[in-house]
Amino acid sequence: RHLGTTADICVEWDGFISTERVLIELKRNLNSKSEFNRLVGQIADLKPDRTNIIVVLCGETSAQWLDRLKATFKPSWLPPTLAILVRESVTSPSSP
């Protein structure tokens, strides 16, 4: 549990000054608007401006939703940071 919500995986270790933490959110098959909205809500609940988060996308990932996810949570080079990792294939939107 973290700030009233849950993450899929939480890794903590004792740092020099305080306990350090990275939350990992796993998402399989990000290929619909409802799944995208749910993931954005889950990430927002984890407070990415105050917490280090890694989002791992596995299975099929739509290029459209991956691009929107990256635009929604632009990477920051200052802590805390949110990173997005894609484990499997990214699919292009189908042509009509």
PDB file of N, CA and C in Angstrom:
ATOM      1  N   ARG A   1       0.844  -1.188   0.000  1.00  0.00           N
ATOM      2  CA  ARG A   1       0.000   0.000   0.000  1.00  0.00           C
ATOM      3  C   ARG A   1       0.878   1.235   0.000  1.00  0.00           C
ATOM      4  N   HIS A   2       0.382   2.272  -0.664  1.00  0.00           N
ATOM      5  CA  HIS A   2       1.116   3.536  -0.747  1.00  0.00           C
ATOM      6  C   HIS A   2       0.109   4.669  -0.891  1.00  0.00           C
ATOM      7  N   LEU A   3       0.115   5.596   0.035  1.00  0.00           N
ATOM      8  CA  LEU A   3      -0.762   6.768  -0.001  1.00  0.00           C
ATOM      9  C   LEU A   3      -2.222   6.391  -0.248  1.00  0.00           C
ATOM     10  N   GLY A   4      -2.694   5.328   0.397  1.00  0.00           N
ATOM     11  CA  GLY A   4      -4.089   4.934   0.282  1.00  0.00           C
ATOM     12  C   GLY A   4      -4.430   4.090  -0.931  1.00  0.00           C
ATOM     13  N   THR A   5      -3.457   3.738  -1.731  1.00  0.00           N
ATOM     14  CA  THR A   5      -3.697   2.891  -2.901  1.00  0.00           C
ATOM     15  C   THR A   5      -2.647   1.786  -2.913  1.00  0.00           C
ATOM     16  N   THR A   6      -2.664   0.945  -3.930  1.00  0.00           N
ATOM     17  CA  THR A   6      -1.693  -0.145  -3.996  1.00  0.00           C
ATOM     18  C   THR A   6      -0.921  -0.101  -5.311  1.00  0.00           C
ATOM     19  N   ALA A   7       0.289  -0.616  -5.267  1.00  0.00           N
ATOM     20  CA  ALA A   7       1.106  -0.813  -6.461  1.00  0.00           C
ATOM     21  C   ALA A   7       1.289  -2.318  -6.614  1.00  0.00           C
ATOM     22  N   ASP A   8       1.630  -2.749  -7.816  1.00  0.00           N
ATOM     23  CA  ASP A   8       1.830  -4.181  -8.030  1.00  0.00           C
ATOM     24  C   ASP A   8       3.053  -4.691  -7.277  1.00  0.00           C
ATOM     25  N   ILE A   9       4.134  -3.913  -7.306  1.00  0.00           N
ATOM     26  CA  ILE A   9       5.371  -4.299  -6.618  1.00  0.00           C
ATOM     27  C   ILE A   9       5.953  -3.061  -5.958  1.00  0.00           C
ATOM     28  N   CYS A  10       6.434  -3.215  -4.746  1.00  0.00           N
ATOM     29  CA  CYS A  10       7.109  -2.127  -4.044  1.00  0.00           C
ATOM     30  C   CYS A  10       8.475  -2.634  -3.590  1.00  0.00           C
ATOM     31  N   VAL A  11       9.526  -1.907  -3.951  1.00  0.00           N
ATOM     32  CA  VAL A  11      10.879  -2.268  -3.539  1.00  0.00           C
ATOM     33  C   VAL A  11      11.380  -1.158  -2.629  1.00  0.00           C
ATOM     34  N   GLU A  12      11.776  -1.506  -1.420  1.00  0.00           N
ATOM     35  CA  GLU A  12      12.288  -0.529  -0.459  1.00  0.00           C
ATOM     36  C   GLU A  12      13.665  -0.971   0.032  1.00  0.00           C
ATOM     37  N   TRP A  13      14.496   0.017   0.321  1.00  0.00           N
ATOM     38  CA  TRP A  13      15.803  -0.261   0.900  1.00  0.00           C
ATOM     39  C   TRP A  13      16.204   0.931   1.754  1.00  0.00           C
ATOM     40  N   ASP A  14      17.080   0.682   2.713  1.00  0.00           N
ATOM     41  CA  ASP A  14      17.567   1.752   3.576  1.00  0.00           C
ATOM     42  C   ASP A  14      18.590   2.576   2.829  1.00  0.00           C
ATOM     43  N   GLY A  15      18.313   3.869   2.710  1.00  0.00           N
ATOM     44  CA  GLY A  15      19.240   4.791   2.073  1.00  0.00           C
ATOM     45  C   GLY A  15      20.130   5.444   3.119  1.00  0.00           C
ATOM     46  N   PHE A  16      20.918   6.420   2.696  1.00  0.00           N
ATOM     47  CA  PHE A  16      21.806   7.104   3.627  1.00  0.00           C
ATOM     48  C   PHE A  16      21.030   7.961   4.621  1.00  0.00           C
ATOM     49  N   ILE A  17      19.972   8.599   4.143  1.00  0.00           N
ATOM     50  CA  ILE A  17      19.219   9.499   5.012  1.00  0.00           C
ATOM     51  C   ILE A  17      17.867   8.903   5.401  1.00  0.00           C
ATOM     52  N   SER A  18      17.218   8.242   4.472  1.00  0.00           N
ATOM     53  CA  SER A  18      15.899   7.686   4.749  1.00  0.00           C
ATOM     54  C   SER A  18      15.697   6.414   3.926  1.00  0.00           C
ATOM     55  N   THR A  19      14.536   5.810   4.098  1.00  0.00           N
ATOM     56  CA  THR A  19      14.184   4.628   3.320  1.00  0.00           C
ATOM     57  C   THR A  19      13.829   5.058   1.899  1.00  0.00           C
ATOM     58  N   GLU A  20      14.434   4.410   0.916  1.00  0.00           N
ATOM     59  CA  GLU A  20      14.171   4.687  -0.486  1.00  0.00           C
ATOM     60  C   GLU A  20      13.126   3.691  -0.985  1.00  0.00           C
ATOM     61  N   ARG A  21      12.325   4.114  -1.976  1.00  0.00           N
ATOM     62  CA  ARG A  21      11.246   3.267  -2.463  1.00  0.00           C
ATOM     63  C   ARG A  21      11.058   3.464  -3.959  1.00  0.00           C
ATOM     64  N   VAL A  22      10.812   2.359  -4.668  1.00  0.00           N
ATOM     65  CA  VAL A  22      10.409   2.381  -6.073  1.00  0.00           C
ATOM     66  C   VAL A  22       9.155   1.519  -6.186  1.00  0.00           C
ATOM     67  N   LEU A  23       8.137   2.084  -6.817  1.00  0.00           N
ATOM     68  CA  LEU A  23       6.904   1.336  -7.056  1.00  0.00           C
ATOM     69  C   LEU A  23       6.891   0.874  -8.504  1.00  0.00           C
ATOM     70  N   ILE A  24       6.446  -0.353  -8.723  1.00  0.00           N
ATOM     71  CA  ILE A  24       6.385  -0.919 -10.065  1.00  0.00           C
ATOM     72  C   ILE A  24       4.934  -1.256 -10.372  1.00  0.00           C
ATOM     73  N   GLU A  25       4.428  -0.690 -11.460  1.00  0.00           N
ATOM     74  CA  GLU A  25       3.056  -0.947 -11.905  1.00  0.00           C
ATOM     75  C   GLU A  25       3.141  -1.770 -13.190  1.00  0.00           C
ATOM     76  N   LEU A  26       2.521  -2.939 -13.204  1.00  0.00           N
ATOM     77  CA  LEU A  26       2.539  -3.830 -14.357  1.00  0.00           C
ATOM     78  C   LEU A  26       1.224  -3.705 -15.128  1.00  0.00           C
ATOM     79  N   LYS A  27       1.316  -3.681 -16.444  1.00  0.00           N
ATOM     80  CA  LYS A  27       0.114  -3.615 -17.277  1.00  0.00           C
ATOM     81  C   LYS A  27       0.294  -4.550 -18.461  1.00  0.00           C
ATOM     82  N   ARG A  28      -0.654  -5.462 -18.627  1.00  0.00           N
ATOM     83  CA  ARG A  28      -0.617  -6.399 -19.748  1.00  0.00           C
ATOM     84  C   ARG A  28      -1.664  -5.973 -20.774  1.00  0.00           C
ATOM     85  N   ASN A  29      -1.252  -5.918 -22.038  1.00  0.00           N
ATOM     86  CA  ASN A  29      -2.128  -5.619 -23.163  1.00  0.00           C
ATOM     87  C   ASN A  29      -2.802  -4.245 -23.038  1.00  0.00           C
ATOM     88  N   LEU A  30      -2.011  -3.218 -23.209  1.00  0.00           N
ATOM     89  CA  LEU A  30      -2.538  -1.851 -23.226  1.00  0.00           C
ATOM     90  C   LEU A  30      -2.984  -1.543 -24.653  1.00  0.00           C
ATOM     91  N   ASN A  31      -4.271  -1.823 -24.937  1.00  0.00           N
ATOM     92  CA  ASN A  31      -4.735  -1.644 -26.307  1.00  0.00           C
ATOM     93  C   ASN A  31      -6.164  -1.105 -26.413  1.00  0.00           C
ATOM     94  N   SER A  32      -6.653  -0.484 -25.339  1.00  0.00           N
ATOM     95  CA  SER A  32      -7.979   0.133 -25.415  1.00  0.00           C
ATOM     96  C   SER A  32      -8.013   1.394 -24.561  1.00  0.00           C
ATOM     97  N   LYS A  33      -8.971   2.251 -24.861  1.00  0.00           N
ATOM     98  CA  LYS A  33      -9.092   3.506 -24.124  1.00  0.00           C
ATOM     99  C   LYS A  33      -9.415   3.254 -22.657  1.00  0.00           C
ATOM    100  N   SER A  34     -10.272   2.284 -22.381  1.00  0.00           N
ATOM    101  CA  SER A  34     -10.624   2.002 -20.985  1.00  0.00           C
ATOM    102  C   SER A  34      -9.413   1.514 -20.193  1.00  0.00           C
ATOM    103  N   GLU A  35      -8.578   0.673 -20.805  1.00  0.00           N
ATOM    104  CA  GLU A  35      -7.363   0.205 -20.128  1.00  0.00           C
ATOM    105  C   GLU A  35      -6.379   1.365 -19.919  1.00  0.00           C
ATOM    106  N   PHE A  36      -6.280   2.243 -20.917  1.00  0.00           N
ATOM    107  CA  PHE A  36      -5.411   3.421 -20.804  1.00  0.00           C
ATOM    108  C   PHE A  36      -5.884   4.312 -19.652  1.00  0.00           C
ATOM    109  N   ASN A  37      -7.190   4.617 -19.623  1.00  0.00           N
ATOM    110  CA  ASN A  37      -7.719   5.477 -18.558  1.00  0.00           C
ATOM    111  C   ASN A  37      -7.512   4.867 -17.179  1.00  0.00           C
ATOM    112  N   ARG A  38      -7.691   3.568 -17.075  1.00  0.00           N
ATOM    113  CA  ARG A  38      -7.485   2.883 -15.795  1.00  0.00           C
ATOM    114  C   ARG A  38      -6.024   2.980 -15.360  1.00  0.00           C
ATOM    115  N   LEU A  39      -5.103   2.761 -16.290  1.00  0.00           N
ATOM    116  CA  LEU A  39      -3.681   2.838 -15.971  1.00  0.00           C
ATOM    117  C   LEU A  39      -3.281   4.253 -15.561  1.00  0.00           C
ATOM    118  N   VAL A  40      -3.767   5.263 -16.277  1.00  0.00           N
ATOM    119  CA  VAL A  40      -3.461   6.656 -15.922  1.00  0.00           C
ATOM    120  C   VAL A  40      -3.955   6.956 -14.511  1.00  0.00           C
ATOM    121  N   GLY A  41      -5.152   6.484 -14.181  1.00  0.00           N
ATOM    122  CA  GLY A  41      -5.686   6.684 -12.835  1.00  0.00           C
ATOM    123  C   GLY A  41      -4.856   5.991 -11.772  1.00  0.00           C
ATOM    124  N   GLN A  42      -4.412   4.774 -12.070  1.00  0.00           N
ATOM    125  CA  GLN A  42      -3.576   4.045 -11.121  1.00  0.00           C
ATOM    126  C   GLN A  42      -2.251   4.770 -10.888  1.00  0.00           C
ATOM    127  N   ILE A  43      -1.642   5.242 -11.954  1.00  0.00           N
ATOM    128  CA  ILE A  43      -0.367   5.949 -11.824  1.00  0.00           C
ATOM    129  C   ILE A  43      -0.567   7.256 -11.061  1.00  0.00           C
ATOM    130  N   ALA A  44      -1.618   7.998 -11.401  1.00  0.00           N
ATOM    131  CA  ALA A  44      -1.882   9.271 -10.719  1.00  0.00           C
ATOM    132  C   ALA A  44      -2.093   9.061  -9.222  1.00  0.00           C
ATOM    133  N   ASP A  45      -2.768   7.970  -8.840  1.00  0.00           N
ATOM    134  CA  ASP A  45      -2.989   7.672  -7.424  1.00  0.00           C
ATOM    135  C   ASP A  45      -1.684   7.400  -6.680  1.00  0.00           C
ATOM    136  N   LEU A  46      -0.658   6.954  -7.392  1.00  0.00           N
ATOM    137  CA  LEU A  46       0.638   6.660  -6.773  1.00  0.00           C
ATOM    138  C   LEU A  46       1.486   7.917  -6.587  1.00  0.00           C
ATOM    139  N   LYS A  47       1.004   9.068  -7.045  1.00  0.00           N
ATOM    140  CA  LYS A  47       1.674  10.371  -6.898  1.00  0.00           C
ATOM    141  C   LYS A  47       3.052  10.381  -7.556  1.00  0.00           C
ATOM    142  N   PRO A  48       3.098  10.353  -8.898  1.00  0.00           N
ATOM    143  CA  PRO A  48       4.384  10.302  -9.596  1.00  0.00           C
ATOM    144  C   PRO A  48       5.256  11.534  -9.373  1.00  0.00           C
ATOM    145  N   ASP A  49       4.677  12.625  -8.883  1.00  0.00           N
ATOM    146  CA  ASP A  49       5.494  13.802  -8.588  1.00  0.00           C
ATOM    147  C   ASP A  49       6.239  13.663  -7.273  1.00  0.00           C
ATOM    148  N   ARG A  50       5.881  12.654  -6.457  1.00  0.00           N
ATOM    149  CA  ARG A  50       6.533  12.444  -5.168  1.00  0.00           C
ATOM    150  C   ARG A  50       7.133  11.060  -4.993  1.00  0.00           C
ATOM    151  N   THR A  51       6.925  10.192  -5.977  1.00  0.00           N
ATOM    152  CA  THR A  51       7.321   8.793  -5.838  1.00  0.00           C
ATOM    153  C   THR A  51       8.012   8.318  -7.108  1.00  0.00           C
ATOM    154  N   ASN A  52       9.054   7.513  -6.969  1.00  0.00           N
ATOM    155  CA  ASN A  52       9.703   6.884  -8.124  1.00  0.00           C
ATOM    156  C   ASN A  52       8.835   5.713  -8.574  1.00  0.00           C
ATOM    157  N   ILE A  53       8.453   5.715  -9.855  1.00  0.00           N
ATOM    158  CA  ILE A  53       7.563   4.685 -10.386  1.00  0.00           C
ATOM    159  C   ILE A  53       8.122   4.142 -11.695  1.00  0.00           C
ATOM    160  N   ILE A  54       8.042   2.832 -11.841  1.00  0.00           N
ATOM    161  CA  ILE A  54       8.367   2.173 -13.100  1.00  0.00           C
ATOM    162  C   ILE A  54       7.094   1.509 -13.592  1.00  0.00           C
ATOM    163  N   VAL A  55       6.685   1.838 -14.816  1.00  0.00           N
ATOM    164  CA  VAL A  55       5.527   1.211 -15.437  1.00  0.00           C
ATOM    165  C   VAL A  55       6.058   0.191 -16.437  1.00  0.00           C
ATOM    166  N   VAL A  56       5.678  -1.069 -16.270  1.00  0.00           N
ATOM    167  CA  VAL A  56       6.117  -2.132 -17.165  1.00  0.00           C
ATOM    168  C   VAL A  56       4.920  -2.573 -17.999  1.00  0.00           C
ATOM    169  N   LEU A  57       5.029  -2.375 -19.315  1.00  0.00           N
ATOM    170  CA  LEU A  57       3.976  -2.787 -20.240  1.00  0.00           C
ATOM    171  C   LEU A  57       4.407  -4.090 -20.897  1.00  0.00           C
ATOM    172  N   CYS A  58       3.590  -5.128 -20.778  1.00  0.00           N
ATOM    173  CA  CYS A  58       3.922  -6.408 -21.402  1.00  0.00           C
ATOM    174  C   CYS A  58       2.732  -6.878 -22.226  1.00  0.00           C
ATOM    175  N   GLY A  59       2.954  -7.889 -23.047  1.00  0.00           N
ATOM    176  CA  GLY A  59       1.914  -8.335 -23.957  1.00  0.00           C
ATOM    177  C   GLY A  59       1.832  -7.373 -25.131  1.00  0.00           C
ATOM    178  N   GLU A  60       0.639  -7.198 -25.688  1.00  0.00           N
ATOM    179  CA  GLU A  60       0.459  -6.280 -26.811  1.00  0.00           C
ATOM    180  C   GLU A  60       0.217  -4.869 -26.288  1.00  0.00           C
ATOM    181  N   THR A  61       0.956  -3.924 -26.833  1.00  0.00           N
ATOM    182  CA  THR A  61       0.817  -2.527 -26.451  1.00  0.00           C
ATOM    183  C   THR A  61       0.551  -1.716 -27.710  1.00  0.00           C
ATOM    184  N   SER A  62      -0.553  -1.006 -27.729  1.00  0.00           N
ATOM    185  CA  SER A  62      -0.898  -0.162 -28.864  1.00  0.00           C
ATOM    186  C   SER A  62       0.033   1.048 -28.896  1.00  0.00           C
ATOM    187  N   ALA A  63       0.594   1.326 -30.068  1.00  0.00           N
ATOM    188  CA  ALA A  63       1.487   2.487 -30.219  1.00  0.00           C
ATOM    189  C   ALA A  63       0.751   3.773 -29.855  1.00  0.00           C
ATOM    190  N   GLN A  64      -0.517   3.854 -30.201  1.00  0.00           N
ATOM    191  CA  GLN A  64      -1.325   5.038 -29.893  1.00  0.00           C
ATOM    192  C   GLN A  64      -1.390   5.279 -28.382  1.00  0.00           C
ATOM    193  N   TRP A  65      -1.688   4.239 -27.613  1.00  0.00           N
ATOM    194  CA  TRP A  65      -1.832   4.406 -26.171  1.00  0.00           C
ATOM    195  C   TRP A  65      -0.486   4.565 -25.500  1.00  0.00           C
ATOM    196  N   LEU A  66       0.563   3.956 -26.049  1.00  0.00           N
ATOM    197  CA  LEU A  66       1.906   4.162 -25.516  1.00  0.00           C
ATOM    198  C   LEU A  66       2.325   5.621 -25.689  1.00  0.00           C
ATOM    199  N   ASP A  67       2.087   6.185 -26.865  1.00  0.00           N
ATOM    200  CA  ASP A  67       2.421   7.591 -27.109  1.00  0.00           C
ATOM    201  C   ASP A  67       1.644   8.512 -26.169  1.00  0.00           C
ATOM    202  N   ARG A  68       0.373   8.229 -25.978  1.00  0.00           N
ATOM    203  CA  ARG A  68      -0.438   9.067 -25.074  1.00  0.00           C
ATOM    204  C   ARG A  68       0.020   8.934 -23.635  1.00  0.00           C
ATOM    205  N   LEU A  69       0.432   7.739 -23.236  1.00  0.00           N
ATOM    206  CA  LEU A  69       0.931   7.530 -21.876  1.00  0.00           C
ATOM    207  C   LEU A  69       2.213   8.332 -21.653  1.00  0.00           C
ATOM    208  N   LYS A  70       3.107   8.283 -22.637  1.00  0.00           N
ATOM    209  CA  LYS A  70       4.354   9.044 -22.533  1.00  0.00           C
ATOM    210  C   LYS A  70       4.084  10.549 -22.490  1.00  0.00           C
ATOM    211  N   ALA A  71       3.090  11.010 -23.258  1.00  0.00           N
ATOM    212  CA  ALA A  71       2.752  12.433 -23.265  1.00  0.00           C
ATOM    213  C   ALA A  71       2.103  12.851 -21.945  1.00  0.00           C
ATOM    214  N   THR A  72       1.333  11.956 -21.362  1.00  0.00           N
ATOM    215  CA  THR A  72       0.659  12.267 -20.100  1.00  0.00           C
ATOM    216  C   THR A  72       1.653  12.375 -18.954  1.00  0.00           C
ATOM    217  N   PHE A  73       2.625  11.481 -18.931  1.00  0.00           N
ATOM    218  CA  PHE A  73       3.633  11.468 -17.872  1.00  0.00           C
ATOM    219  C   PHE A  73       4.996  11.687 -18.501  1.00  0.00           C
ATOM    220  N   LYS A  74       5.282  12.922 -18.881  1.00  0.00           N
ATOM    221  CA  LYS A  74       6.569  13.243 -19.493  1.00  0.00           C
ATOM    222  C   LYS A  74       7.692  12.936 -18.508  1.00  0.00           C
ATOM    223  N   PRO A  75       8.777  12.323 -18.990  1.00  0.00           N
ATOM    224  CA  PRO A  75       9.859  11.959 -18.078  1.00  0.00           C
ATOM    225  C   PRO A  75      10.527  13.186 -17.481  1.00  0.00           C
ATOM    226  N   SER A  76      10.952  13.019 -16.274  1.00  0.00           N
ATOM    227  CA  SER A  76      11.665  14.078 -15.568  1.00  0.00           C
ATOM    228  C   SER A  76      13.048  13.559 -15.215  1.00  0.00           C
ATOM    229  N   TRP A  77      14.025  14.426 -15.296  1.00  0.00           N
ATOM    230  CA  TRP A  77      15.390  14.009 -14.956  1.00  0.00           C
ATOM    231  C   TRP A  77      15.712  14.308 -13.507  1.00  0.00           C
ATOM    232  N   LEU A  78      14.791  14.914 -12.804  1.00  0.00           N
ATOM    233  CA  LEU A  78      14.961  15.171 -11.385  1.00  0.00           C
ATOM    234  C   LEU A  78      14.078  14.221 -10.597  1.00  0.00           C
ATOM    235  N   PRO A  79      14.565  13.730  -9.467  1.00  0.00           N
ATOM    236  CA  PRO A  79      13.741  12.806  -8.687  1.00  0.00           C
ATOM    237  C   PRO A  79      12.504  13.502  -8.152  1.00  0.00           C
ATOM    238  N   PRO A  80      11.410  12.814  -7.933  1.00  0.00           N
ATOM    239  CA  PRO A  80      11.166  11.438  -8.353  1.00  0.00           C
ATOM    240  C   PRO A  80      10.937  11.325  -9.856  1.00  0.00           C
ATOM    241  N   THR A  81      11.087  10.122 -10.357  1.00  0.00           N
ATOM    242  CA  THR A  81      11.043   9.874 -11.788  1.00  0.00           C
ATOM    243  C   THR A  81      10.039   8.774 -12.111  1.00  0.00           C
ATOM    244  N   LEU A  82       9.418   8.883 -13.271  1.00  0.00           N
ATOM    245  CA  LEU A  82       8.553   7.830 -13.773  1.00  0.00           C
ATOM    246  C   LEU A  82       9.174   7.298 -15.052  1.00  0.00           C
ATOM    247  N   ALA A  83       9.380   5.998 -15.127  1.00  0.00           N
ATOM    248  CA  ALA A  83       9.944   5.362 -16.323  1.00  0.00           C
ATOM    249  C   ALA A  83       8.923   4.387 -16.888  1.00  0.00           C
ATOM    250  N   ILE A  84       8.863   4.301 -18.213  1.00  0.00           N
ATOM    251  CA  ILE A  84       7.959   3.375 -18.887  1.00  0.00           C
ATOM    252  C   ILE A  84       8.797   2.378 -19.670  1.00  0.00           C
ATOM    253  N   LEU A  85       8.628   1.092 -19.369  1.00  0.00           N
ATOM    254  CA  LEU A  85       9.352   0.019 -20.056  1.00  0.00           C
ATOM    255  C   LEU A  85       8.349  -0.830 -20.825  1.00  0.00           C
ATOM    256  N   VAL A  86       8.675  -1.170 -22.064  1.00  0.00           N
ATOM    257  CA  VAL A  86       7.808  -2.028 -22.876  1.00  0.00           C
ATOM    258  C   VAL A  86       8.519  -3.360 -23.046  1.00  0.00           C
ATOM    259  N   ARG A  87       7.879  -4.430 -22.623  1.00  0.00           N
ATOM    260  CA  ARG A  87       8.509  -5.747 -22.626  1.00  0.00           C
ATOM    261  C   ARG A  87       8.242  -6.550 -23.894  1.00  0.00           C
ATOM    262  N   GLU A  88       7.088  -6.399 -24.513  1.00  0.00           N
ATOM    263  CA  GLU A  88       6.743  -7.219 -25.686  1.00  0.00           C
ATOM    264  C   GLU A  88       6.603  -6.348 -26.922  1.00  0.00           C
ATOM    265  N   SER A  89       5.615  -6.609 -27.713  1.00  0.00           N
ATOM    266  CA  SER A  89       5.475  -5.917 -28.992  1.00  0.00           C
ATOM    267  C   SER A  89       4.582  -4.684 -28.889  1.00  0.00           C
ATOM    268  N   VAL A  90       4.919  -3.699 -29.697  1.00  0.00           N
ATOM    269  CA  VAL A  90       4.081  -2.513 -29.840  1.00  0.00           C
ATOM    270  C   VAL A  90       3.391  -2.646 -31.180  1.00  0.00           C
ATOM    271  N   THR A  91       2.067  -2.550 -31.167  1.00  0.00           N
ATOM    272  CA  THR A  91       1.300  -2.710 -32.398  1.00  0.00           C
ATOM    273  C   THR A  91       0.821  -1.363 -32.902  1.00  0.00           C
ATOM    274  N   SER A  92       0.851  -1.194 -34.212  1.00  0.00           N
ATOM    275  CA  SER A  92       0.347   0.019 -34.837  1.00  0.00           C
ATOM    276  C   SER A  92      -1.161  -0.064 -34.933  1.00  0.00           C
ATOM    277  N   PRO A  93      -1.826   1.094 -34.960  1.00  0.00           N
ATOM    278  CA  PRO A  93      -3.273   1.052 -35.165  1.00  0.00           C
ATOM    279  C   PRO A  93      -3.590   0.430 -36.526  1.00  0.00           C
ATOM    280  N   SER A  94      -4.674  -0.323 -36.574  1.00  0.00           N
ATOM    281  CA  SER A  94      -5.017  -0.993 -37.839  1.00  0.00           C
ATOM    282  C   SER A  94      -5.533   0.035 -38.851  1.00  0.00           C
ATOM    283  N   SER A  95      -5.186  -0.191 -40.099  1.00  0.00           N
ATOM    284  CA  SER A  95      -5.616   0.704 -41.173  1.00  0.00           C
ATOM    285  C   SER A  95      -7.017   0.316 -41.623  1.00  0.00           C
ATOM    286  N   PRO A  96      -7.853   1.307 -41.985  1.00  0.00           N
ATOM    287  CA  PRO A  96      -9.220   0.976 -42.438  1.00  0.00           C
ATOM    288  C   PRO A  96      -9.242   0.308 -43.788  1.00  0.00           C
TER     289      PRO A  96
END
